[in-house]
Amino acid sequence: INTFREYTYYADSVKDRFTISQDSAKNTVYLLMNSLKPEDT
């Protein structure tokens, strides 16, 4: 994630399952992982 403009980028393997986001006030970045697969280990 671009921390100024919040543009996001994903690898093809996770594009439709993971979401990257940020809370700039907390200086924290998150990765929400849905539909997890064993290969995500």
Full PDB file with SEQRES, HELIX, SHEET, SSBOND, CRYST1, ORIGX, SCALE, CONECT and MASTER records, all heavy atoms in Angstrom:
SEQRES   1 A   41  ILE ASN THR PHE ARG GLU TYR THR TYR TYR ALA ASP SER          
SEQRES   2 A   41  VAL LYS ASP ARG PHE THR ILE SER GLN ASP SER ALA LYS          
SEQRES   3 A   41  ASN THR VAL TYR LEU LEU MET ASN SER LEU LYS PRO GLU          
SEQRES   4 A   41  ASP THR                                                      
HELIX    1 AA1 SER A   24  LYS A   26  5                                   3    
HELIX    2 AA2 PRO A   38  ASP A   40  5                                   3    
SHEET    1 AA1 2 PHE A  18  ASP A  23  0                                        
SHEET    2 AA1 2 THR A  28  MET A  33 -1                                        
CRYST1    1.000    1.000    1.000  90.00  90.00  90.00 P 1           1          
ORIGX1      1.000000  0.000000  0.000000        0.00000                         
ORIGX2      0.000000  1.000000  0.000000        0.00000                         
ORIGX3      0.000000  0.000000  1.000000        0.00000                         
SCALE1      1.000000  0.000000  0.000000        0.00000                         
SCALE2      0.000000  1.000000  0.000000        0.00000                         
SCALE3      0.000000  0.000000  1.000000        0.00000                         
ATOM      1  N   ILE A   1       0.842  -1.189   0.000  1.00  0.00           N  
ATOM      2  CA  ILE A   1       0.000   0.000   0.000  1.00  0.00           C  
ATOM      3  C   ILE A   1       0.878   1.239   0.000  1.00  0.00           C  
ATOM      4  O   ILE A   1       1.864   1.307   0.732  1.00  0.00           O  
ATOM      5  CB  ILE A   1      -0.973   0.001   1.207  1.00  0.00           C  
ATOM      6  CG1 ILE A   1      -1.910   1.208   1.150  1.00  0.00           C  
ATOM      7  CG2 ILE A   1      -0.211  -0.050   2.528  1.00  0.00           C  
ATOM      8  CD1 ILE A   1      -3.061   1.116   2.146  1.00  0.00           C  
ATOM      9  N   ASN A   2       0.524   2.202  -0.847  1.00  0.00           N  
ATOM     10  CA  ASN A   2       1.156   3.508  -0.811  1.00  0.00           C  
ATOM     11  C   ASN A   2       0.564   4.252   0.378  1.00  0.00           C  
ATOM     12  O   ASN A   2      -0.644   4.513   0.410  1.00  0.00           O  
ATOM     13  CB  ASN A   2       0.902   4.257  -2.123  1.00  0.00           C  
ATOM     14  CG  ASN A   2       1.535   5.634  -2.158  1.00  0.00           C  
ATOM     15  OD1 ASN A   2       1.171   6.519  -1.383  1.00  0.00           O  
ATOM     16  ND2 ASN A   2       2.490   5.831  -3.066  1.00  0.00           N  
ATOM     17  N   THR A   3       1.395   4.601   1.332  1.00  0.00           N  
ATOM     18  CA  THR A   3       0.886   5.129   2.591  1.00  0.00           C  
ATOM     19  C   THR A   3       0.416   6.573   2.504  1.00  0.00           C  
ATOM     20  O   THR A   3      -0.237   7.052   3.427  1.00  0.00           O  
ATOM     21  CB  THR A   3       1.947   5.003   3.689  1.00  0.00           C  
ATOM     22  OG1 THR A   3       3.169   5.626   3.267  1.00  0.00           O  
ATOM     23  CG2 THR A   3       2.204   3.535   3.995  1.00  0.00           C  
ATOM     24  N   PHE A   4       0.719   7.260   1.416  1.00  0.00           N  
ATOM     25  CA  PHE A   4       0.234   8.622   1.221  1.00  0.00           C  
ATOM     26  C   PHE A   4      -1.080   8.653   0.456  1.00  0.00           C  
ATOM     27  O   PHE A   4      -2.025   9.344   0.852  1.00  0.00           O  
ATOM     28  CB  PHE A   4       1.284   9.466   0.494  1.00  0.00           C  
ATOM     29  CG  PHE A   4       2.508   9.740   1.301  1.00  0.00           C  
ATOM     30  CD1 PHE A   4       3.642   8.955   1.160  1.00  0.00           C  
ATOM     31  CD2 PHE A   4       2.528  10.778   2.215  1.00  0.00           C  
ATOM     32  CE1 PHE A   4       4.772   9.201   1.906  1.00  0.00           C  
ATOM     33  CE2 PHE A   4       3.658  11.038   2.972  1.00  0.00           C  
ATOM     34  CZ  PHE A   4       4.783  10.244   2.813  1.00  0.00           C  
ATOM     35  N   ARG A   5      -1.155   7.926  -0.637  1.00  0.00           N  
ATOM     36  CA  ARG A   5      -2.341   7.929  -1.489  1.00  0.00           C  
ATOM     37  C   ARG A   5      -3.247   6.719  -1.281  1.00  0.00           C  
ATOM     38  O   ARG A   5      -4.343   6.674  -1.835  1.00  0.00           O  
ATOM     39  CB  ARG A   5      -1.934   8.021  -2.955  1.00  0.00           C  
ATOM     40  CG  ARG A   5      -1.184   9.299  -3.298  1.00  0.00           C  
ATOM     41  CD  ARG A   5      -0.859   9.371  -4.774  1.00  0.00           C  
ATOM     42  NE  ARG A   5      -0.238  10.643  -5.127  1.00  0.00           N  
ATOM     43  CZ  ARG A   5       1.066  10.874  -5.084  1.00  0.00           C  
ATOM     44  NH1 ARG A   5       1.898   9.927  -4.704  1.00  0.00           N  
ATOM     45  NH2 ARG A   5       1.543  12.065  -5.431  1.00  0.00           N  
ATOM     46  N   GLU A   6      -2.791   5.735  -0.529  1.00  0.00           N  
ATOM     47  CA  GLU A   6      -3.531   4.522  -0.219  1.00  0.00           C  
ATOM     48  C   GLU A   6      -3.832   3.671  -1.458  1.00  0.00           C  
ATOM     49  O   GLU A   6      -4.804   2.911  -1.463  1.00  0.00           O  
ATOM     50  CB  GLU A   6      -4.813   4.848   0.552  1.00  0.00           C  
ATOM     51  CG  GLU A   6      -4.545   5.467   1.919  1.00  0.00           C  
ATOM     52  CD  GLU A   6      -5.779   5.633   2.769  1.00  0.00           C  
ATOM     53  OE1 GLU A   6      -6.877   5.801   2.190  1.00  0.00           O  
ATOM     54  OE2 GLU A   6      -5.665   5.586   4.002  1.00  0.00           O  
ATOM     55  N   TYR A   7      -3.014   3.801  -2.493  1.00  0.00           N  
ATOM     56  CA  TYR A   7      -3.095   2.866  -3.607  1.00  0.00           C  
ATOM     57  C   TYR A   7      -2.692   1.493  -3.104  1.00  0.00           C  
ATOM     58  O   TYR A   7      -1.773   1.365  -2.291  1.00  0.00           O  
ATOM     59  CB  TYR A   7      -2.173   3.285  -4.744  1.00  0.00           C  
ATOM     60  CG  TYR A   7      -2.494   4.604  -5.401  1.00  0.00           C  
ATOM     61  CD1 TYR A   7      -1.514   5.315  -6.080  1.00  0.00           C  
ATOM     62  CD2 TYR A   7      -3.771   5.146  -5.361  1.00  0.00           C  
ATOM     63  CE1 TYR A   7      -1.790   6.518  -6.700  1.00  0.00           C  
ATOM     64  CE2 TYR A   7      -4.063   6.352  -5.975  1.00  0.00           C  
ATOM     65  CZ  TYR A   7      -3.068   7.038  -6.646  1.00  0.00           C  
ATOM     66  OH  TYR A   7      -3.359   8.236  -7.257  1.00  0.00           O  
ATOM     67  N   THR A   8      -3.354   0.467  -3.575  1.00  0.00           N  
ATOM     68  CA  THR A   8      -3.080  -0.895  -3.127  1.00  0.00           C  
ATOM     69  C   THR A   8      -2.687  -1.782  -4.287  1.00  0.00           C  
ATOM     70  O   THR A   8      -3.121  -1.593  -5.424  1.00  0.00           O  
ATOM     71  CB  THR A   8      -4.290  -1.491  -2.401  1.00  0.00           C  
ATOM     72  OG1 THR A   8      -5.434  -1.455  -3.259  1.00  0.00           O  
ATOM     73  CG2 THR A   8      -4.592  -0.708  -1.133  1.00  0.00           C  
ATOM     74  N   TYR A   9      -1.871  -2.798  -3.985  1.00  0.00           N  
ATOM     75  CA  TYR A   9      -1.337  -3.713  -4.983  1.00  0.00           C  
ATOM     76  C   TYR A   9      -1.338  -5.116  -4.389  1.00  0.00           C  
ATOM     77  O   TYR A   9      -1.047  -5.291  -3.204  1.00  0.00           O  
ATOM     78  CB  TYR A   9       0.096  -3.323  -5.375  1.00  0.00           C  
ATOM     79  CG  TYR A   9       0.263  -1.860  -5.714  1.00  0.00           C  
ATOM     80  CD1 TYR A   9       0.509  -0.923  -4.721  1.00  0.00           C  
ATOM     81  CD2 TYR A   9       0.179  -1.417  -7.030  1.00  0.00           C  
ATOM     82  CE1 TYR A   9       0.659   0.425  -5.024  1.00  0.00           C  
ATOM     83  CE2 TYR A   9       0.329  -0.073  -7.344  1.00  0.00           C  
ATOM     84  CZ  TYR A   9       0.567   0.840  -6.340  1.00  0.00           C  
ATOM     85  OH  TYR A   9       0.714   2.174  -6.652  1.00  0.00           O  
ATOM     86  N   TYR A  10      -1.650  -6.127  -5.222  1.00  0.00           N  
ATOM     87  CA  TYR A  10      -1.765  -7.489  -4.737  1.00  0.00           C  
ATOM     88  C   TYR A  10      -1.097  -8.477  -5.679  1.00  0.00           C  
ATOM     89  O   TYR A  10      -1.126  -8.316  -6.901  1.00  0.00           O  
ATOM     90  CB  TYR A  10      -3.235  -7.897  -4.597  1.00  0.00           C  
ATOM     91  CG  TYR A  10      -4.013  -7.060  -3.620  1.00  0.00           C  
ATOM     92  CD1 TYR A  10      -4.726  -5.945  -4.044  1.00  0.00           C  
ATOM     93  CD2 TYR A  10      -4.039  -7.391  -2.272  1.00  0.00           C  
ATOM     94  CE1 TYR A  10      -5.438  -5.175  -3.143  1.00  0.00           C  
ATOM     95  CE2 TYR A  10      -4.752  -6.628  -1.368  1.00  0.00           C  
ATOM     96  CZ  TYR A  10      -5.452  -5.514  -1.811  1.00  0.00           C  
ATOM     97  OH  TYR A  10      -6.162  -4.758  -0.908  1.00  0.00           O  
ATOM     98  N   ALA A  11      -0.518  -9.505  -5.094  1.00  0.00           N  
ATOM     99  CA  ALA A  11      -0.072 -10.637  -5.885  1.00  0.00           C  
ATOM    100  C   ALA A  11      -1.292 -11.371  -6.436  1.00  0.00           C  
ATOM    101  O   ALA A  11      -2.355 -11.406  -5.804  1.00  0.00           O  
ATOM    102  CB  ALA A  11       0.774 -11.587  -5.036  1.00  0.00           C  
ATOM    103  N   ASP A  12      -1.143 -11.959  -7.623  1.00  0.00           N  
ATOM    104  CA  ASP A  12      -2.267 -12.646  -8.251  1.00  0.00           C  
ATOM    105  C   ASP A  12      -2.838 -13.753  -7.366  1.00  0.00           C  
ATOM    106  O   ASP A  12      -4.046 -13.999  -7.375  1.00  0.00           O  
ATOM    107  CB  ASP A  12      -1.845 -13.231  -9.592  1.00  0.00           C  
ATOM    108  CG  ASP A  12      -1.616 -12.168 -10.652  1.00  0.00           C  
ATOM    109  OD1 ASP A  12      -2.090 -11.032 -10.483  1.00  0.00           O  
ATOM    110  OD2 ASP A  12      -0.955 -12.479 -11.667  1.00  0.00           O  
ATOM    111  N   SER A  13      -1.991 -14.397  -6.594  1.00  0.00           N  
ATOM    112  CA  SER A  13      -2.424 -15.519  -5.782  1.00  0.00           C  
ATOM    113  C   SER A  13      -3.363 -15.136  -4.645  1.00  0.00           C  
ATOM    114  O   SER A  13      -4.058 -15.995  -4.103  1.00  0.00           O  
ATOM    115  CB  SER A  13      -1.205 -16.254  -5.213  1.00  0.00           C  
ATOM    116  OG  SER A  13      -0.425 -15.386  -4.414  1.00  0.00           O  
ATOM    117  N   VAL A  14      -3.394 -13.848  -4.279  1.00  0.00           N  
ATOM    118  CA  VAL A  14      -4.222 -13.414  -3.161  1.00  0.00           C  
ATOM    119  C   VAL A  14      -5.185 -12.303  -3.538  1.00  0.00           C  
ATOM    120  O   VAL A  14      -5.951 -11.840  -2.679  1.00  0.00           O  
ATOM    121  CB  VAL A  14      -3.352 -12.948  -1.974  1.00  0.00           C  
ATOM    122  CG1 VAL A  14      -2.342 -14.017  -1.595  1.00  0.00           C  
ATOM    123  CG2 VAL A  14      -2.642 -11.630  -2.295  1.00  0.00           C  
ATOM    124  N   LYS A  15      -5.200 -11.874  -4.789  1.00  0.00           N  
ATOM    125  CA  LYS A  15      -5.888 -10.658  -5.215  1.00  0.00           C  
ATOM    126  C   LYS A  15      -7.346 -10.597  -4.771  1.00  0.00           C  
ATOM    127  O   LYS A  15      -7.816  -9.548  -4.313  1.00  0.00           O  
ATOM    128  CB  LYS A  15      -5.792 -10.526  -6.733  1.00  0.00           C  
ATOM    129  CG  LYS A  15      -6.449  -9.278  -7.293  1.00  0.00           C  
ATOM    130  CD  LYS A  15      -6.305  -9.217  -8.805  1.00  0.00           C  
ATOM    131  CE  LYS A  15      -7.036 -10.362  -9.471  1.00  0.00           C  
ATOM    132  NZ  LYS A  15      -6.946 -10.288 -10.963  1.00  0.00           N  
ATOM    133  N   ASP A  16      -8.092 -11.665  -4.907  1.00  0.00           N  
ATOM    134  CA  ASP A  16      -9.515 -11.663  -4.610  1.00  0.00           C  
ATOM    135  C   ASP A  16      -9.838 -12.152  -3.206  1.00  0.00           C  
ATOM    136  O   ASP A  16     -11.016 -12.280  -2.851  1.00  0.00           O  
ATOM    137  CB  ASP A  16     -10.267 -12.514  -5.632  1.00  0.00           C  
ATOM    138  CG  ASP A  16     -10.164 -11.948  -7.038  1.00  0.00           C  
ATOM    139  OD1 ASP A  16     -10.212 -10.718  -7.196  1.00  0.00           O  
ATOM    140  OD2 ASP A  16     -10.036 -12.750  -7.988  1.00  0.00           O  
ATOM    141  N   ARG A  17      -8.819 -12.406  -2.402  1.00  0.00           N  
ATOM    142  CA  ARG A  17      -9.034 -12.950  -1.067  1.00  0.00           C  
ATOM    143  C   ARG A  17      -8.497 -12.066   0.048  1.00  0.00           C  
ATOM    144  O   ARG A  17      -9.049 -12.055   1.147  1.00  0.00           O  
ATOM    145  CB  ARG A  17      -8.394 -14.336  -0.952  1.00  0.00           C  
ATOM    146  CG  ARG A  17      -8.951 -15.344  -1.942  1.00  0.00           C  
ATOM    147  CD  ARG A  17      -8.344 -16.723  -1.713  1.00  0.00           C  
ATOM    148  NE  ARG A  17      -6.915 -16.736  -1.969  1.00  0.00           N  
ATOM    149  CZ  ARG A  17      -5.990 -17.086  -1.074  1.00  0.00           C  
ATOM    150  NH1 ARG A  17      -6.352 -17.451   0.158  1.00  0.00           N  
ATOM    151  NH2 ARG A  17      -4.704 -17.079  -1.396  1.00  0.00           N  
ATOM    152  N   PHE A  18      -7.410 -11.343  -0.208  1.00  0.00           N  
ATOM    153  CA  PHE A  18      -6.755 -10.525   0.816  1.00  0.00           C  
ATOM    154  C   PHE A  18      -7.024  -9.050   0.566  1.00  0.00           C  
ATOM    155  O   PHE A  18      -7.174  -8.611  -0.579  1.00  0.00           O  
ATOM    156  CB  PHE A  18      -5.243 -10.750   0.813  1.00  0.00           C  
ATOM    157  CG  PHE A  18      -4.793 -12.118   1.260  1.00  0.00           C  
ATOM    158  CD1 PHE A  18      -5.694 -13.149   1.473  1.00  0.00           C  
ATOM    159  CD2 PHE A  18      -3.445 -12.363   1.469  1.00  0.00           C  
ATOM    160  CE1 PHE A  18      -5.271 -14.403   1.879  1.00  0.00           C  
ATOM    161  CE2 PHE A  18      -3.006 -13.608   1.877  1.00  0.00           C  
ATOM    162  CZ  PHE A  18      -3.918 -14.633   2.083  1.00  0.00           C  
ATOM    163  N   THR A  19      -7.044  -8.266   1.646  1.00  0.00           N  
ATOM    164  CA  THR A  19      -7.211  -6.820   1.555  1.00  0.00           C  
ATOM    165  C   THR A  19      -6.189  -6.133   2.449  1.00  0.00           C  
ATOM    166  O   THR A  19      -6.129  -6.416   3.649  1.00  0.00           O  
ATOM    167  CB  THR A  19      -8.624  -6.393   1.968  1.00  0.00           C  
ATOM    168  OG1 THR A  19      -9.596  -7.050   1.146  1.00  0.00           O  
ATOM    169  CG2 THR A  19      -8.783  -4.879   1.815  1.00  0.00           C  
ATOM    170  N   ILE A  20      -5.400  -5.232   1.863  1.00  0.00           N  
ATOM    171  CA  ILE A  20      -4.452  -4.453   2.639  1.00  0.00           C  
ATOM    172  C   ILE A  20      -5.051  -3.069   2.877  1.00  0.00           C  
ATOM    173  O   ILE A  20      -5.669  -2.486   1.985  1.00  0.00           O  
ATOM    174  CB  ILE A  20      -3.075  -4.361   1.941  1.00  0.00           C  
ATOM    175  CG1 ILE A  20      -2.041  -3.697   2.857  1.00  0.00           C  
ATOM    176  CG2 ILE A  20      -3.171  -3.638   0.603  1.00  0.00           C  
ATOM    177  CD1 ILE A  20      -0.610  -3.793   2.335  1.00  0.00           C  
ATOM    178  N   SER A  21      -4.885  -2.549   4.079  1.00  0.00           N  
ATOM    179  CA  SER A  21      -5.434  -1.249   4.429  1.00  0.00           C  
ATOM    180  C   SER A  21      -4.556  -0.617   5.495  1.00  0.00           C  
ATOM    181  O   SER A  21      -3.633  -1.251   6.019  1.00  0.00           O  
ATOM    182  CB  SER A  21      -6.880  -1.373   4.920  1.00  0.00           C  
ATOM    183  OG  SER A  21      -6.947  -2.166   6.094  1.00  0.00           O  
ATOM    184  N   GLN A  22      -4.843   0.635   5.826  1.00  0.00           N  
ATOM    185  CA  GLN A  22      -4.066   1.304   6.851  1.00  0.00           C  
ATOM    186  C   GLN A  22      -4.938   2.201   7.699  1.00  0.00           C  
ATOM    187  O   GLN A  22      -5.992   2.675   7.268  1.00  0.00           O  
ATOM    188  CB  GLN A  22      -2.925   2.124   6.233  1.00  0.00           C  
ATOM    189  CG  GLN A  22      -3.373   3.372   5.488  1.00  0.00           C  
ATOM    190  CD  GLN A  22      -2.219   4.251   5.052  1.00  0.00           C  
ATOM    191  OE1 GLN A  22      -1.048   3.915   5.275  1.00  0.00           O  
ATOM    192  NE2 GLN A  22      -2.516   5.362   4.427  1.00  0.00           N  
ATOM    193  N   ASP A  23      -4.476   2.446   8.915  1.00  0.00           N  
ATOM    194  CA  ASP A  23      -5.020   3.458   9.799  1.00  0.00           C  
ATOM    195  C   ASP A  23      -3.870   4.427  10.044  1.00  0.00           C  
ATOM    196  O   ASP A  23      -3.004   4.173  10.883  1.00  0.00           O  
ATOM    197  CB  ASP A  23      -5.522   2.844  11.100  1.00  0.00           C  
ATOM    198  CG  ASP A  23      -6.189   3.852  12.006  1.00  0.00           C  
ATOM    199  OD1 ASP A  23      -5.921   5.060  11.886  1.00  0.00           O  
ATOM    200  OD2 ASP A  23      -7.001   3.436  12.863  1.00  0.00           O  
ATOM    201  N   SER A  24      -3.843   5.516   9.290  1.00  0.00           N  
ATOM    202  CA  SER A  24      -2.709   6.433   9.355  1.00  0.00           C  
ATOM    203  C   SER A  24      -2.559   7.075  10.731  1.00  0.00           C  
ATOM    204  O   SER A  24      -1.442   7.371  11.165  1.00  0.00           O  
ATOM    205  CB  SER A  24      -2.843   7.513   8.273  1.00  0.00           C  
ATOM    206  OG  SER A  24      -4.043   8.240   8.423  1.00  0.00           O  
ATOM    207  N   ALA A  25      -3.670   7.305  11.427  1.00  0.00           N  
ATOM    208  CA  ALA A  25      -3.603   7.894  12.754  1.00  0.00           C  
ATOM    209  C   ALA A  25      -2.883   6.979  13.740  1.00  0.00           C  
ATOM    210  O   ALA A  25      -2.267   7.451  14.698  1.00  0.00           O  
ATOM    211  CB  ALA A  25      -5.000   8.225  13.262  1.00  0.00           C  
ATOM    212  N   LYS A  26      -2.963   5.675  13.508  1.00  0.00           N  
ATOM    213  CA  LYS A  26      -2.312   4.703  14.380  1.00  0.00           C  
ATOM    214  C   LYS A  26      -0.984   4.206  13.824  1.00  0.00           C  
ATOM    215  O   LYS A  26      -0.325   3.382  14.465  1.00  0.00           O  
ATOM    216  CB  LYS A  26      -3.230   3.506  14.610  1.00  0.00           C  
ATOM    217  CG  LYS A  26      -4.526   3.830  15.333  1.00  0.00           C  
ATOM    218  CD  LYS A  26      -5.356   2.571  15.525  1.00  0.00           C  
ATOM    219  CE  LYS A  26      -6.636   2.862  16.275  1.00  0.00           C  
ATOM    220  NZ  LYS A  26      -7.465   1.634  16.445  1.00  0.00           N  
ATOM    221  N   ASN A  27      -0.602   4.687  12.640  1.00  0.00           N  
ATOM    222  CA  ASN A  27       0.599   4.206  11.960  1.00  0.00           C  
ATOM    223  C   ASN A  27       0.595   2.682  11.859  1.00  0.00           C  
ATOM    224  O   ASN A  27       1.601   2.020  12.110  1.00  0.00           O  
ATOM    225  CB  ASN A  27       1.860   4.686  12.677  1.00  0.00           C  
ATOM    226  CG  ASN A  27       2.094   6.170  12.526  1.00  0.00           C  
ATOM    227  OD1 ASN A  27       1.852   6.738  11.467  1.00  0.00           O  
ATOM    228  ND2 ASN A  27       2.583   6.805  13.585  1.00  0.00           N  
ATOM    229  N   THR A  28      -0.546   2.149  11.469  1.00  0.00           N  
ATOM    230  CA  THR A  28      -0.734   0.709  11.425  1.00  0.00           C  
ATOM    231  C   THR A  28      -1.268   0.287  10.065  1.00  0.00           C  
ATOM    232  O   THR A  28      -2.171   0.925   9.517  1.00  0.00           O  
ATOM    233  CB  THR A  28      -1.688   0.244  12.529  1.00  0.00           C  
ATOM    234  OG1 THR A  28      -1.142   0.592  13.805  1.00  0.00           O  
ATOM    235  CG2 THR A  28      -1.887  -1.261  12.481  1.00  0.00           C  
ATOM    236  N   VAL A  29      -0.710  -0.788   9.530  1.00  0.00           N  
ATOM    237  CA  VAL A  29      -1.168  -1.395   8.287  1.00  0.00           C  
ATOM    238  C   VAL A  29      -1.732  -2.767   8.604  1.00  0.00           C  
ATOM    239  O   VAL A  29      -1.189  -3.491   9.444  1.00  0.00           O  
ATOM    240  CB  VAL A  29      -0.030  -1.483   7.260  1.00  0.00           C  
ATOM    241  CG1 VAL A  29      -0.445  -2.315   6.054  1.00  0.00           C  
ATOM    242  CG2 VAL A  29       0.374  -0.091   6.811  1.00  0.00           C  
ATOM    243  N   TYR A  30      -2.812  -3.131   7.917  1.00  0.00           N  
ATOM    244  CA  TYR A  30      -3.487  -4.391   8.153  1.00  0.00           C  
ATOM    245  C   TYR A  30      -3.487  -5.248   6.894  1.00  0.00           C  
ATOM    246  O   TYR A  30      -3.433  -4.749   5.776  1.00  0.00           O  
ATOM    247  CB  TYR A  30      -4.940  -4.159   8.586  1.00  0.00           C  
ATOM    248  CG  TYR A  30      -5.083  -3.259   9.779  1.00  0.00           C  
ATOM    249  CD1 TYR A  30      -5.337  -1.905   9.620  1.00  0.00           C  
ATOM    250  CD2 TYR A  30      -4.972  -3.760  11.070  1.00  0.00           C  
ATOM    251  CE1 TYR A  30      -5.473  -1.076  10.721  1.00  0.00           C  
ATOM    252  CE2 TYR A  30      -5.109  -2.942  12.173  1.00  0.00           C  
ATOM    253  CZ  TYR A  30      -5.362  -1.597  11.998  1.00  0.00           C  
ATOM    254  OH  TYR A  30      -5.498  -0.781  13.092  1.00  0.00           O  
ATOM    255  N   LEU A  31      -3.575  -6.542   7.102  1.00  0.00           N  
ATOM    256  CA  LEU A  31      -3.794  -7.474   6.010  1.00  0.00           C  
ATOM    257  C   LEU A  31      -4.923  -8.404   6.417  1.00  0.00           C  
ATOM    258  O   LEU A  31      -4.741  -9.270   7.279  1.00  0.00           O  
ATOM    259  CB  LEU A  31      -2.531  -8.275   5.690  1.00  0.00           C  
ATOM    260  CG  LEU A  31      -2.646  -9.216   4.489  1.00  0.00           C  
ATOM    261  CD1 LEU A  31      -2.775  -8.406   3.199  1.00  0.00           C  
ATOM    262  CD2 LEU A  31      -1.456 -10.161   4.412  1.00  0.00           C  
ATOM    263  N   LEU A  32      -6.096  -8.192   5.826  1.00  0.00           N  
ATOM    264  CA  LEU A  32      -7.236  -9.052   6.072  1.00  0.00           C  
ATOM    265  C   LEU A  32      -7.184 -10.205   5.088  1.00  0.00           C  
ATOM    266  O   LEU A  32      -7.199  -9.997   3.879  1.00  0.00           O  
ATOM    267  CB  LEU A  32      -8.540  -8.276   5.913  1.00  0.00           C  
ATOM    268  CG  LEU A  32      -9.829  -9.088   6.054  1.00  0.00           C  
ATOM    269  CD1 LEU A  32      -9.937  -9.711   7.433  1.00  0.00           C  
ATOM    270  CD2 LEU A  32     -11.038  -8.212   5.748  1.00  0.00           C  
ATOM    271  N   MET A  33      -7.122 -11.416   5.601  1.00  0.00           N  
ATOM    272  CA  MET A  33      -6.985 -12.607   4.787  1.00  0.00           C  
ATOM    273  C   MET A  33      -8.260 -13.429   4.906  1.00  0.00           C  
ATOM    274  O   MET A  33      -8.576 -13.941   5.985  1.00  0.00           O  
ATOM    275  CB  MET A  33      -5.772 -13.425   5.225  1.00  0.00           C  
ATOM    276  CG  MET A  33      -4.468 -12.640   5.199  1.00  0.00           C  
ATOM    277  SD  MET A  33      -3.037 -13.636   5.690  1.00  0.00           S  
ATOM    278  CE  MET A  33      -3.435 -13.918   7.420  1.00  0.00           C  
ATOM    279  N   ASN A  34      -8.999 -13.535   3.816  1.00  0.00           N  
ATOM    280  CA  ASN A  34     -10.212 -14.329   3.754  1.00  0.00           C  
ATOM    281  C   ASN A  34      -9.985 -15.565   2.897  1.00  0.00           C  
ATOM    282  O   ASN A  34      -9.052 -15.627   2.102  1.00  0.00           O  
ATOM    283  CB  ASN A  34     -11.367 -13.510   3.182  1.00  0.00           C  
ATOM    284  CG  ASN A  34     -11.816 -12.392   4.084  1.00  0.00           C  
ATOM    285  OD1 ASN A  34     -11.844 -12.541   5.306  1.00  0.00           O  
ATOM    286  ND2 ASN A  34     -12.194 -11.266   3.494  1.00  0.00           N  
ATOM    287  N   SER A  35     -10.867 -16.545   3.046  1.00  0.00           N  
ATOM    288  CA  SER A  35     -10.808 -17.770   2.245  1.00  0.00           C  
ATOM    289  C   SER A  35      -9.411 -18.376   2.252  1.00  0.00           C  
ATOM    290  O   SER A  35      -8.853 -18.723   1.205  1.00  0.00           O  
ATOM    291  CB  SER A  35     -11.265 -17.488   0.813  1.00  0.00           C  
ATOM    292  OG  SER A  35     -12.582 -16.963   0.788  1.00  0.00           O  
ATOM    293  N   LEU A  36      -8.853 -18.519   3.420  1.00  0.00           N  
ATOM    294  CA  LEU A  36      -7.478 -18.999   3.544  1.00  0.00           C  
ATOM    295  C   LEU A  36      -7.336 -20.429   3.048  1.00  0.00           C  
ATOM    296  O   LEU A  36      -8.237 -21.258   3.212  1.00  0.00           O  
ATOM    297  CB  LEU A  36      -7.014 -18.890   4.988  1.00  0.00           C  
ATOM    298  CG  LEU A  36      -6.635 -17.470   5.421  1.00  0.00           C  
ATOM    299  CD1 LEU A  36      -6.597 -17.362   6.932  1.00  0.00           C  
ATOM    300  CD2 LEU A  36      -5.289 -17.085   4.816  1.00  0.00           C  
ATOM    301  N   LYS A  37      -6.190 -20.702   2.449  1.00  0.00           N  
ATOM    302  CA  LYS A  37      -5.849 -22.004   1.904  1.00  0.00           C  
ATOM    303  C   LYS A  37      -4.601 -22.534   2.594  1.00  0.00           C  
ATOM    304  O   LYS A  37      -3.793 -21.759   3.097  1.00  0.00           O  
ATOM    305  CB  LYS A  37      -5.581 -21.896   0.396  1.00  0.00           C  
ATOM    306  CG  LYS A  37      -6.706 -21.273  -0.410  1.00  0.00           C  
ATOM    307  CD  LYS A  37      -6.284 -21.084  -1.859  1.00  0.00           C  
ATOM    308  CE  LYS A  37      -7.385 -20.442  -2.679  1.00  0.00           C  
ATOM    309  NZ  LYS A  37      -6.957 -20.232  -4.089  1.00  0.00           N  
ATOM    310  N   PRO A  38      -4.408 -23.852   2.607  1.00  0.00           N  
ATOM    311  CA  PRO A  38      -3.187 -24.394   3.209  1.00  0.00           C  
ATOM    312  C   PRO A  38      -1.913 -23.803   2.617  1.00  0.00           C  
ATOM    313  O   PRO A  38      -0.926 -23.634   3.347  1.00  0.00           O  
ATOM    314  CB  PRO A  38      -3.294 -25.895   2.923  1.00  0.00           C  
ATOM    315  CG  PRO A  38      -4.765 -26.146   2.878  1.00  0.00           C  
ATOM    316  CD  PRO A  38      -5.346 -24.921   2.220  1.00  0.00           C  
ATOM    317  N   GLU A  39      -1.912 -23.475   1.340  1.00  0.00           N  
ATOM    318  CA  GLU A  39      -0.727 -22.898   0.720  1.00  0.00           C  
ATOM    319  C   GLU A  39      -0.433 -21.475   1.182  1.00  0.00           C  
ATOM    320  O   GLU A  39       0.608 -20.919   0.830  1.00  0.00           O  
ATOM    321  CB  GLU A  39      -0.826 -22.945  -0.811  1.00  0.00           C  
ATOM    322  CG  GLU A  39      -2.117 -22.376  -1.359  1.00  0.00           C  
ATOM    323  CD  GLU A  39      -3.133 -23.457  -1.690  1.00  0.00           C  
ATOM    324  OE1 GLU A  39      -3.319 -24.371  -0.863  1.00  0.00           O  
ATOM    325  OE2 GLU A  39      -3.742 -23.397  -2.781  1.00  0.00           O  
ATOM    326  N   ASP A  40      -1.343 -20.875   1.951  1.00  0.00           N  
ATOM    327  CA  ASP A  40      -1.073 -19.576   2.556  1.00  0.00           C  
ATOM    328  C   ASP A  40      -0.228 -19.697   3.823  1.00  0.00           C  
ATOM    329  O   ASP A  40       0.200 -18.677   4.375  1.00  0.00           O  
ATOM    330  CB  ASP A  40      -2.381 -18.853   2.897  1.00  0.00           C  
ATOM    331  CG  ASP A  40      -3.193 -18.503   1.667  1.00  0.00           C  
ATOM    332  OD1 ASP A  40      -2.606 -18.061   0.663  1.00  0.00           O  
ATOM    333  OD2 ASP A  40      -4.435 -18.664   1.721  1.00  0.00           O  
ATOM    334  N   THR A  41      -0.004 -20.905   4.292  1.00  0.00           N  
ATOM    335  CA  THR A  41       0.791 -21.126   5.495  1.00  0.00           C  
ATOM    336  C   THR A  41       2.208 -20.607   5.295  1.00  0.00           C  
ATOM    337  O   THR A  41       2.899 -20.991   4.354  1.00  0.00           O  
ATOM    338  CB  THR A  41       0.823 -22.614   5.849  1.00  0.00           C  
ATOM    339  OG1 THR A  41      -0.499 -23.047   6.187  1.00  0.00           O  
ATOM    340  CG2 THR A  41       1.746 -22.874   7.033  1.00  0.00           C  
TER     341      THR A  41                                                      
MASTER        0    0    0    2    2    0    0    6  340    1    0    4          
END                                                                             
